[in-house]
Protein backbone atom coordinates (compact mmCIF):
# COMPACT_ATOMS: atom_id res chain seq x y z
CA UNK A 1 -140.90 -34.99 -36.68
CA UNK A 2 -138.36 -37.30 -35.08
CA UNK A 3 -134.81 -37.10 -36.31
CA UNK A 4 -133.30 -34.59 -38.62
CA UNK A 5 -131.56 -34.39 -41.93
CA UNK A 6 -128.47 -35.89 -40.32
CA UNK A 7 -130.39 -39.05 -39.49
CA UNK A 8 -131.09 -40.03 -43.10
CA UNK A 9 -128.10 -42.39 -43.10
CA UNK A 10 -129.69 -44.63 -40.44
CA UNK A 11 -132.21 -46.40 -42.73
CA UNK A 12 -129.52 -46.74 -45.39
CA UNK A 13 -127.12 -48.27 -42.88
CA UNK A 14 -129.86 -50.64 -41.69
CA UNK A 15 -130.54 -51.72 -45.27
CA UNK A 16 -126.81 -52.32 -45.76
CA UNK A 17 -126.74 -54.45 -42.60
CA UNK A 18 -129.68 -56.56 -43.76
CA UNK A 19 -128.14 -56.98 -47.20
CA UNK A 20 -124.81 -58.04 -45.69
CA UNK A 21 -126.48 -60.52 -43.37
CA UNK A 22 -128.47 -61.95 -46.29
CA UNK A 23 -125.15 -62.82 -47.92
CA UNK A 24 -124.96 -60.16 -50.63
CA UNK A 25 -121.71 -58.70 -49.35
CA UNK A 26 -120.86 -56.61 -52.39
CA UNK A 27 -124.26 -54.89 -52.34
CA UNK A 28 -124.07 -54.44 -48.57
CA UNK A 29 -120.71 -52.70 -48.89
CA UNK A 30 -122.06 -50.45 -51.64
CA UNK A 31 -125.14 -49.56 -49.60
CA UNK A 32 -123.00 -48.78 -46.57
CA UNK A 33 -120.76 -46.56 -48.72
CA UNK A 34 -123.88 -44.61 -49.73
CA UNK A 35 -124.94 -44.28 -46.08
CA UNK A 36 -121.47 -42.88 -45.31
CA UNK A 37 -121.80 -40.33 -48.12
CA UNK A 38 -125.01 -38.86 -46.68
CA UNK A 39 -123.97 -39.05 -43.03
CA UNK A 40 -122.70 -35.97 -41.22
CA UNK A 41 -118.96 -36.17 -40.53
CA UNK A 42 -119.39 -36.88 -36.83
CA UNK A 43 -121.43 -40.02 -37.65
CA UNK A 44 -119.16 -41.38 -40.37
CA UNK A 45 -116.63 -42.90 -37.97
CA UNK A 46 -119.12 -45.47 -36.73
CA UNK A 47 -120.19 -46.39 -40.25
CA UNK A 48 -116.64 -46.50 -41.60
CA UNK A 49 -115.56 -48.75 -38.73
CA UNK A 50 -118.35 -51.17 -39.61
CA UNK A 51 -117.39 -51.04 -43.30
CA UNK A 52 -113.76 -51.68 -42.35
CA UNK A 53 -114.83 -54.82 -40.48
CA UNK A 54 -116.76 -56.06 -43.50
CA UNK A 55 -113.85 -55.34 -45.82
CA UNK A 56 -111.48 -57.19 -43.48
CA UNK A 57 -113.84 -60.19 -43.45
CA UNK A 58 -113.67 -60.25 -47.25
CA UNK A 59 -109.86 -60.19 -47.13
CA UNK A 60 -109.44 -56.55 -48.15
CA UNK A 61 -107.01 -55.53 -45.42
CA UNK A 62 -105.78 -52.48 -47.34
CA UNK A 63 -109.32 -51.19 -47.84
CA UNK A 64 -110.21 -51.87 -44.23
CA UNK A 65 -107.21 -49.96 -42.97
CA UNK A 66 -108.02 -47.02 -45.27
CA UNK A 67 -111.58 -46.88 -43.93
CA UNK A 68 -110.30 -46.83 -40.36
CA UNK A 69 -107.85 -44.05 -41.14
CA UNK A 70 -110.68 -42.00 -42.67
CA UNK A 71 -112.90 -42.77 -39.69
CA UNK A 72 -110.29 -41.34 -37.36
CA UNK A 73 -109.78 -38.26 -39.54
CA UNK A 74 -113.51 -37.56 -39.36
CA UNK A 75 -113.95 -38.49 -35.70
CA UNK A 76 -110.58 -38.76 -33.91
CA UNK A 77 -112.20 -39.72 -30.59
CA UNK A 78 -114.16 -42.76 -31.86
CA UNK A 79 -112.67 -45.48 -29.64
CA UNK A 80 -113.74 -48.54 -31.70
CA UNK A 81 -111.94 -47.16 -34.77
CA UNK A 82 -108.86 -46.44 -32.65
CA UNK A 83 -108.89 -50.00 -31.30
CA UNK A 84 -109.38 -51.57 -34.72
CA UNK A 85 -106.55 -49.55 -36.24
CA UNK A 86 -104.29 -50.43 -33.30
CA UNK A 87 -105.06 -54.11 -33.92
CA UNK A 88 -103.89 -53.70 -37.52
CA UNK A 89 -100.67 -52.05 -36.40
CA UNK A 90 -99.90 -54.79 -33.87
CA UNK A 91 -100.46 -57.65 -36.33
């Protein structure tokens, strides 16, 4: 069997991506939040960074920043989250 229990967030994240790209942004954000819930902590940083980008695109800067801060709490070495949070701080 390929993958383990920790990989169950991948299909959920893919579904969220498809939903977002189809234009249903609210549903895409909700689906991505569910993928984050089931992901192991070391995988949440990547998903939270993506969710932060989507929130920022919708104008929710406060929510985006909060997601990035959580991403860095869960995975302090995730460089894309570090860069995105630094961009917030410099703007």
